[in-house]
N, C-alpha and C. Protein backbone atom coordinates (compact mmCIF):
# COMPACT_ATOMS: atom_id res chain seq x y z
N PRO A 1 46.32 37.85 42.46
CA PRO A 1 46.50 37.82 43.94
C PRO A 1 47.91 38.07 44.34
N VAL A 2 48.09 38.58 45.56
CA VAL A 2 49.36 38.82 46.21
C VAL A 2 49.30 37.90 47.41
N TYR A 3 50.36 37.12 47.57
CA TYR A 3 50.48 36.11 48.63
C TYR A 3 51.37 36.57 49.74
N ASP A 4 51.06 36.10 50.94
CA ASP A 4 51.95 36.36 52.09
C ASP A 4 53.04 35.29 52.17
N GLU A 5 53.86 35.32 53.16
CA GLU A 5 55.01 34.35 53.25
C GLU A 5 54.55 32.95 53.43
N ASN A 6 53.26 32.68 53.80
CA ASN A 6 52.77 31.37 53.96
C ASN A 6 51.95 30.90 52.71
N LYS A 7 52.05 31.68 51.67
CA LYS A 7 51.33 31.43 50.41
C LYS A 7 49.80 31.53 50.53
N ASN A 8 49.35 32.37 51.46
CA ASN A 8 47.96 32.68 51.58
C ASN A 8 47.66 33.95 50.81
N GLU A 9 46.49 34.01 50.15
CA GLU A 9 46.15 35.23 49.46
C GLU A 9 45.94 36.37 50.48
N LYS A 10 46.63 37.51 50.20
CA LYS A 10 46.57 38.60 51.16
C LYS A 10 45.95 39.85 50.51
N TYR A 11 46.26 40.10 49.25
CA TYR A 11 45.73 41.26 48.52
C TYR A 11 45.38 40.81 47.10
N PHE A 12 44.49 41.64 46.52
CA PHE A 12 44.19 41.42 45.08
C PHE A 12 44.46 42.73 44.35
N VAL A 13 44.93 42.64 43.15
CA VAL A 13 45.26 43.81 42.37
C VAL A 13 44.49 43.62 41.02
N HIS A 14 43.81 44.67 40.63
CA HIS A 14 43.18 44.63 39.31
C HIS A 14 43.15 46.06 38.71
N GLY A 15 43.00 46.09 37.39
CA GLY A 15 42.92 47.38 36.72
C GLY A 15 43.61 47.33 35.37
N ALA A 16 43.84 48.50 34.82
CA ALA A 16 44.54 48.61 33.49
C ALA A 16 46.01 48.90 33.69
N PHE A 17 46.82 48.17 32.94
CA PHE A 17 48.24 48.29 33.12
C PHE A 17 48.93 48.73 31.81
N VAL A 18 48.21 48.76 30.72
CA VAL A 18 48.85 48.96 29.43
C VAL A 18 48.79 50.43 29.01
N LEU A 19 47.63 50.91 28.68
CA LEU A 19 47.50 52.32 28.18
C LEU A 19 47.19 53.24 29.34
N GLY A 20 48.18 53.65 30.05
CA GLY A 20 47.99 54.40 31.28
C GLY A 20 47.78 53.42 32.42
N LYS A 21 48.28 53.76 33.54
CA LYS A 21 48.21 52.86 34.69
C LYS A 21 47.09 53.28 35.57
N ASP A 22 46.19 52.37 35.92
CA ASP A 22 45.06 52.67 36.71
C ASP A 22 44.63 51.37 37.41
N TYR A 23 44.98 51.18 38.64
CA TYR A 23 44.66 49.90 39.28
C TYR A 23 44.32 50.13 40.77
N PHE A 24 43.74 49.03 41.30
CA PHE A 24 43.26 49.06 42.68
C PHE A 24 43.91 47.88 43.44
N ILE A 25 44.19 48.12 44.72
CA ILE A 25 44.66 47.07 45.61
C ILE A 25 43.55 46.89 46.58
N GLU A 26 43.07 45.61 46.74
CA GLU A 26 42.00 45.29 47.65
C GLU A 26 42.48 44.21 48.61
N ASP A 27 41.76 44.13 49.77
CA ASP A 27 42.03 43.03 50.73
C ASP A 27 41.30 41.85 50.24
N VAL A 28 41.41 40.73 50.91
CA VAL A 28 40.78 39.47 50.49
C VAL A 28 39.25 39.53 50.54
N ASN A 29 38.70 40.49 51.23
CA ASN A 29 37.23 40.65 51.30
C ASN A 29 36.68 41.62 50.20
N GLY A 30 37.57 42.12 49.37
CA GLY A 30 37.20 43.04 48.30
C GLY A 30 37.14 44.50 48.69
N ASN A 31 37.62 44.85 49.89
CA ASN A 31 37.64 46.20 50.30
C ASN A 31 38.84 46.91 49.65
N GLU A 32 38.52 48.08 49.05
CA GLU A 32 39.59 48.88 48.42
C GLU A 32 40.51 49.45 49.42
N LEU A 33 41.83 49.14 49.25
CA LEU A 33 42.85 49.71 50.15
C LEU A 33 43.64 50.89 49.55
N ALA A 34 43.80 50.86 48.22
CA ALA A 34 44.49 51.90 47.50
C ALA A 34 44.09 51.94 46.05
N HIS A 35 44.15 53.11 45.46
CA HIS A 35 43.93 53.31 44.02
C HIS A 35 45.10 54.03 43.50
N VAL A 36 45.77 53.48 42.50
CA VAL A 36 46.96 54.03 41.92
C VAL A 36 46.72 54.29 40.47
N TYR A 37 47.02 55.56 40.05
CA TYR A 37 46.79 55.87 38.65
C TYR A 37 47.92 56.75 38.13
N GLN A 38 48.07 56.66 36.78
CA GLN A 38 49.05 57.52 36.14
C GLN A 38 48.42 58.83 35.80
N LYS A 39 49.10 59.89 36.16
CA LYS A 39 48.54 61.23 35.87
C LYS A 39 48.51 61.35 34.32
N LYS A 40 47.35 61.66 33.79
CA LYS A 40 47.18 61.64 32.34
C LYS A 40 48.00 62.73 31.60
N VAL A 41 48.23 63.85 32.21
CA VAL A 41 48.95 64.91 31.55
C VAL A 41 50.43 64.81 31.80
N SER A 42 50.87 63.73 32.43
CA SER A 42 52.32 63.66 32.74
C SER A 42 53.05 62.88 31.65
N SER A 43 54.11 63.48 31.13
CA SER A 43 54.96 62.80 30.13
C SER A 43 56.03 61.96 30.83
N THR A 44 56.15 62.16 32.12
CA THR A 44 57.22 61.42 32.87
C THR A 44 56.68 60.15 33.46
N GLY A 45 55.39 59.87 33.42
CA GLY A 45 54.96 58.67 34.00
C GLY A 45 54.57 58.79 35.48
N LYS A 46 54.42 60.00 35.91
CA LYS A 46 54.10 60.29 37.33
C LYS A 46 52.83 59.56 37.74
N CYS A 47 52.84 58.80 38.84
CA CYS A 47 51.73 58.08 39.37
C CYS A 47 51.37 58.55 40.72
N ILE A 48 50.07 58.48 41.03
CA ILE A 48 49.49 58.92 42.27
C ILE A 48 49.00 57.74 43.04
N ILE A 49 49.27 57.68 44.35
CA ILE A 49 48.75 56.66 45.27
C ILE A 49 47.71 57.34 46.12
N LEU A 50 46.46 56.84 45.96
CA LEU A 50 45.33 57.32 46.80
C LEU A 50 44.93 56.26 47.84
N ARG A 51 44.73 56.66 49.04
CA ARG A 51 44.16 55.80 50.10
C ARG A 51 42.91 56.53 50.57
N GLY A 52 41.74 55.95 50.07
CA GLY A 52 40.51 56.65 50.27
C GLY A 52 40.49 57.93 49.46
N GLU A 53 40.22 59.02 50.07
CA GLU A 53 40.24 60.34 49.36
C GLU A 53 41.60 61.03 49.42
N ASP A 54 42.55 60.48 50.18
CA ASP A 54 43.80 61.10 50.48
C ASP A 54 44.93 60.66 49.53
N THR A 55 45.64 61.64 48.97
CA THR A 55 46.83 61.28 48.24
C THR A 55 47.98 61.05 49.21
N VAL A 56 48.56 59.85 49.19
CA VAL A 56 49.59 59.54 50.15
C VAL A 56 50.97 59.69 49.50
N GLY A 57 51.00 59.59 48.18
CA GLY A 57 52.32 59.64 47.50
C GLY A 57 52.23 59.89 46.03
N GLU A 58 53.27 60.47 45.48
CA GLU A 58 53.40 60.68 44.04
C GLU A 58 54.75 60.11 43.63
N ILE A 59 54.70 59.13 42.73
CA ILE A 59 55.91 58.43 42.27
C ILE A 59 56.34 59.10 41.00
N VAL A 60 57.58 59.64 41.01
CA VAL A 60 58.08 60.38 39.85
C VAL A 60 59.55 59.94 39.64
N PRO A 61 59.93 59.92 38.33
CA PRO A 61 61.31 59.64 38.01
C PRO A 61 62.25 60.76 38.48
N LYS A 62 63.44 60.42 38.91
CA LYS A 62 64.40 61.43 39.23
C LYS A 62 65.56 61.28 38.21
N ILE A 63 65.88 62.42 37.65
CA ILE A 63 66.95 62.41 36.63
C ILE A 63 68.30 62.33 37.34
N THR A 64 69.03 61.25 36.94
CA THR A 64 70.42 61.07 37.46
C THR A 64 71.33 60.74 36.36
N MET A 65 72.60 60.97 36.51
CA MET A 65 73.62 60.68 35.51
C MET A 65 74.01 59.21 35.45
N VAL A 66 73.69 58.50 36.53
CA VAL A 66 74.18 57.13 36.68
C VAL A 66 73.13 56.10 36.35
N LYS A 67 72.13 55.98 37.22
CA LYS A 67 71.09 54.96 37.08
C LYS A 67 69.72 55.60 37.23
N PRO A 68 68.70 54.99 36.62
CA PRO A 68 67.35 55.52 36.89
C PRO A 68 66.99 55.40 38.37
N LYS A 69 66.20 56.30 38.80
CA LYS A 69 65.80 56.35 40.19
C LYS A 69 64.42 57.01 40.27
N TYR A 70 63.60 56.63 41.19
CA TYR A 70 62.31 57.21 41.39
C TYR A 70 62.27 57.72 42.81
N VAL A 71 61.45 58.75 43.01
CA VAL A 71 61.18 59.26 44.35
C VAL A 71 59.67 59.19 44.61
N VAL A 72 59.32 58.98 45.86
CA VAL A 72 57.93 58.89 46.24
C VAL A 72 57.66 60.11 47.11
N LYS A 73 57.19 61.21 46.46
CA LYS A 73 56.90 62.40 47.21
C LYS A 73 55.72 62.15 48.13
N GLY A 74 55.77 62.62 49.31
CA GLY A 74 54.75 62.46 50.33
C GLY A 74 55.10 61.32 51.33
N LEU A 75 55.86 60.34 50.85
CA LEU A 75 56.39 59.30 51.72
C LEU A 75 57.86 59.42 52.00
N ASP A 76 58.51 60.33 51.24
CA ASP A 76 59.96 60.52 51.36
C ASP A 76 60.74 59.26 51.18
N TRP A 77 60.28 58.43 50.20
CA TRP A 77 60.95 57.24 49.78
C TRP A 77 61.69 57.38 48.47
N SER A 78 62.72 56.60 48.28
CA SER A 78 63.34 56.56 46.97
C SER A 78 63.35 55.13 46.49
N ILE A 79 63.31 54.91 45.16
CA ILE A 79 63.30 53.57 44.61
C ILE A 79 64.43 53.50 43.64
N GLU A 80 65.35 52.50 43.84
CA GLU A 80 66.54 52.44 42.98
C GLU A 80 67.01 50.94 42.85
N GLY A 81 67.75 50.72 41.81
CA GLY A 81 68.25 49.38 41.55
C GLY A 81 68.26 49.00 40.10
N SER A 82 68.22 47.77 39.85
CA SER A 82 68.22 47.24 38.46
C SER A 82 66.81 46.92 38.05
N PHE A 83 66.02 47.97 37.57
CA PHE A 83 64.62 47.84 37.36
C PHE A 83 64.37 46.79 36.24
N ARG A 84 65.08 46.80 35.17
CA ARG A 84 64.83 45.85 34.10
C ARG A 84 65.07 44.40 34.55
N GLN A 85 65.85 44.15 35.56
CA GLN A 85 66.08 42.81 36.10
C GLN A 85 65.17 42.53 37.30
N ASP A 86 64.22 43.46 37.59
CA ASP A 86 63.32 43.27 38.71
C ASP A 86 64.05 43.03 40.01
N ASN A 87 65.09 43.87 40.19
CA ASN A 87 65.93 43.73 41.37
C ASN A 87 66.12 45.19 41.92
N PHE A 88 65.32 45.60 42.82
CA PHE A 88 65.43 46.96 43.24
C PHE A 88 64.99 47.04 44.77
N VAL A 89 65.28 48.23 45.35
CA VAL A 89 64.94 48.46 46.78
C VAL A 89 64.21 49.77 46.88
N ILE A 90 63.47 49.88 47.97
CA ILE A 90 62.83 51.17 48.32
C ILE A 90 63.54 51.58 49.64
N LYS A 91 64.01 52.84 49.62
CA LYS A 91 64.68 53.31 50.80
C LYS A 91 63.92 54.51 51.46
N GLU A 92 64.09 54.59 52.77
CA GLU A 92 63.56 55.71 53.52
C GLU A 92 64.74 56.32 54.26
N ASN A 93 65.06 57.58 54.02
CA ASN A 93 66.23 58.21 54.63
C ASN A 93 67.51 57.39 54.46
N GLY A 94 67.70 56.76 53.32
CA GLY A 94 68.90 56.04 53.01
C GLY A 94 68.90 54.62 53.55
N THR A 95 67.87 54.21 54.30
CA THR A 95 67.79 52.84 54.83
C THR A 95 66.83 52.04 53.95
N VAL A 96 67.26 50.84 53.57
CA VAL A 96 66.42 49.92 52.77
C VAL A 96 65.28 49.43 53.66
N ILE A 97 64.06 49.66 53.13
CA ILE A 97 62.85 49.28 53.87
C ILE A 97 62.09 48.17 53.08
N VAL A 98 62.32 48.05 51.71
CA VAL A 98 61.66 47.08 50.92
C VAL A 98 62.70 46.52 49.93
N ARG A 99 62.74 45.25 49.77
CA ARG A 99 63.59 44.61 48.74
C ARG A 99 62.71 43.83 47.78
N VAL A 100 63.00 44.00 46.48
CA VAL A 100 62.26 43.30 45.42
C VAL A 100 63.22 42.54 44.57
N GLY A 101 62.90 41.25 44.30
CA GLY A 101 63.73 40.46 43.47
C GLY A 101 62.94 39.36 42.84
N VAL A 102 63.43 38.86 41.73
CA VAL A 102 62.74 37.75 41.02
C VAL A 102 63.18 36.44 41.71
N HIS A 103 62.19 35.62 41.96
CA HIS A 103 62.44 34.31 42.52
C HIS A 103 62.15 33.29 41.40
N ILE A 104 63.12 32.58 40.99
CA ILE A 104 63.04 31.63 39.89
C ILE A 104 62.54 30.28 40.43
N LEU A 105 61.51 29.77 39.81
CA LEU A 105 60.94 28.45 40.18
C LEU A 105 61.04 27.56 38.97
N THR A 106 60.84 26.23 39.17
CA THR A 106 60.85 25.31 38.03
C THR A 106 59.68 25.57 37.07
N LYS A 107 58.56 26.10 37.55
CA LYS A 107 57.43 26.32 36.69
C LYS A 107 57.26 27.82 36.44
N GLY A 108 58.28 28.58 36.44
CA GLY A 108 58.18 30.03 36.17
C GLY A 108 58.86 30.83 37.26
N SER A 109 58.48 32.10 37.34
CA SER A 109 59.09 32.97 38.30
C SER A 109 58.04 33.92 38.90
N HIS A 110 58.36 34.51 39.99
CA HIS A 110 57.50 35.51 40.61
C HIS A 110 58.36 36.53 41.32
N LEU A 111 57.80 37.67 41.60
CA LEU A 111 58.50 38.63 42.40
C LEU A 111 58.37 38.31 43.87
N GLU A 112 59.45 38.49 44.55
CA GLU A 112 59.42 38.35 46.00
C GLU A 112 59.68 39.68 46.61
N ILE A 113 58.75 40.15 47.47
CA ILE A 113 58.83 41.46 48.04
C ILE A 113 59.00 41.29 49.58
N SER A 114 60.13 41.73 50.07
CA SER A 114 60.37 41.73 51.51
C SER A 114 60.20 43.12 52.07
N ILE A 115 59.30 43.24 53.03
CA ILE A 115 58.97 44.57 53.58
C ILE A 115 59.32 44.56 55.05
N ASN A 116 60.14 45.54 55.50
CA ASN A 116 60.53 45.64 56.88
C ASN A 116 59.25 45.84 57.78
N GLU A 117 59.35 45.29 58.95
CA GLU A 117 58.27 45.44 59.97
C GLU A 117 58.03 46.98 60.19
N GLY A 118 56.78 47.30 60.31
CA GLY A 118 56.44 48.66 60.55
C GLY A 118 56.24 49.52 59.30
N ILE A 119 56.57 48.99 58.16
CA ILE A 119 56.37 49.68 56.89
C ILE A 119 55.05 49.36 56.34
N ASP A 120 54.27 50.30 55.87
CA ASP A 120 52.93 50.09 55.32
C ASP A 120 53.02 49.18 54.03
N GLU A 121 52.47 48.01 54.12
CA GLU A 121 52.60 47.06 53.02
C GLU A 121 51.83 47.51 51.80
N VAL A 122 50.71 48.17 51.95
CA VAL A 122 49.94 48.59 50.78
C VAL A 122 50.69 49.70 50.02
N ASN A 123 51.24 50.64 50.77
CA ASN A 123 52.02 51.70 50.11
C ASN A 123 53.22 51.06 49.36
N ALA A 124 53.88 50.09 50.00
CA ALA A 124 55.04 49.45 49.40
C ALA A 124 54.66 48.71 48.15
N LEU A 125 53.52 47.97 48.23
CA LEU A 125 52.99 47.22 47.09
C LEU A 125 52.67 48.14 45.96
N ALA A 126 51.99 49.23 46.31
CA ALA A 126 51.66 50.20 45.21
C ALA A 126 52.93 50.73 44.49
N CYS A 127 53.97 51.01 45.21
CA CYS A 127 55.21 51.48 44.59
C CYS A 127 55.80 50.37 43.70
N VAL A 128 55.80 49.13 44.16
CA VAL A 128 56.38 48.06 43.37
C VAL A 128 55.56 47.88 42.09
N LEU A 129 54.21 47.94 42.24
CA LEU A 129 53.39 47.75 41.04
C LEU A 129 53.54 48.84 40.06
N VAL A 130 53.74 50.10 40.50
CA VAL A 130 53.97 51.22 39.67
C VAL A 130 55.23 50.98 38.84
N ILE A 131 56.31 50.58 39.50
CA ILE A 131 57.60 50.40 38.83
C ILE A 131 57.43 49.26 37.73
N GLU A 132 56.76 48.19 38.15
CA GLU A 132 56.52 47.11 37.21
C GLU A 132 55.65 47.56 36.03
N GLY A 133 54.65 48.34 36.37
CA GLY A 133 53.75 48.84 35.29
C GLY A 133 54.44 49.81 34.34
N LEU A 134 55.29 50.71 34.96
CA LEU A 134 55.98 51.69 34.09
C LEU A 134 56.95 51.00 33.20
N LEU A 135 57.49 49.86 33.57
CA LEU A 135 58.42 49.15 32.73
C LEU A 135 57.67 48.18 31.80
N GLU A 136 56.37 48.27 31.83
CA GLU A 136 55.49 47.49 30.94
C GLU A 136 55.80 45.93 31.11
N SER A 137 56.01 45.57 32.40
CA SER A 137 56.14 44.13 32.62
C SER A 137 54.77 43.46 32.60
N GLU A 138 54.76 42.17 32.55
CA GLU A 138 53.53 41.46 32.52
C GLU A 138 53.01 41.28 33.87
N VAL A 139 52.43 42.38 34.49
CA VAL A 139 52.01 42.40 35.88
C VAL A 139 50.83 41.42 36.10
N LEU A 140 49.91 41.35 35.18
CA LEU A 140 48.75 40.50 35.36
C LEU A 140 49.14 39.05 35.51
N GLY A 141 50.23 38.63 34.94
CA GLY A 141 50.64 37.25 35.01
C GLY A 141 51.68 36.97 36.13
N THR A 142 52.02 37.96 36.83
CA THR A 142 53.05 37.86 37.88
C THR A 142 52.41 37.60 39.23
N ALA A 143 52.93 36.61 39.93
CA ALA A 143 52.46 36.40 41.28
C ALA A 143 53.43 37.15 42.26
N PHE A 144 52.89 37.90 43.15
CA PHE A 144 53.69 38.65 44.13
C PHE A 144 53.66 37.93 45.42
N HIS A 145 54.79 37.82 46.09
CA HIS A 145 54.90 37.19 47.40
C HIS A 145 55.43 38.21 48.36
N SER A 146 54.58 38.55 49.26
CA SER A 146 54.95 39.59 50.25
C SER A 146 55.31 38.96 51.58
N SER A 147 56.49 39.40 52.10
CA SER A 147 56.80 38.80 53.43
C SER A 147 57.47 39.94 54.26
N ILE A 148 57.24 39.77 55.57
CA ILE A 148 57.79 40.73 56.53
C ILE A 148 59.18 40.26 56.95
N LEU A 149 60.12 41.13 56.99
CA LEU A 149 61.49 40.84 57.45
C LEU A 149 61.46 40.72 58.96
């Protein structure tokens, strides 16, 4: 489950995260909101975000000399930061629209995702899950907390 800022279940994520990424984001009633999958012929880990029959974005790594970075073609977003530490941002035209960070609790940790108002939460969640999946994090055991800034 993915929780909102009041700890209410807001979305559910299920699928395969290990041998190729293929997962679905659903609302609390089980309606599919997005399907994200790793392109099978891609050696770069390119992932596709589908909303219904429409491709809304392709997440691909961008080669840089400094830090790893991803671009989301179709949404004109970039994803950058300290991926291994689960501390990264999504930018649109250079402006941070999503912040992701680990929130440490006494009984474990979870990712906290802050999404600016007006930004599509499902697209943002799909991007975050792709990064987590590409890094082979334990996504199935991670609780996501989504909140609007």
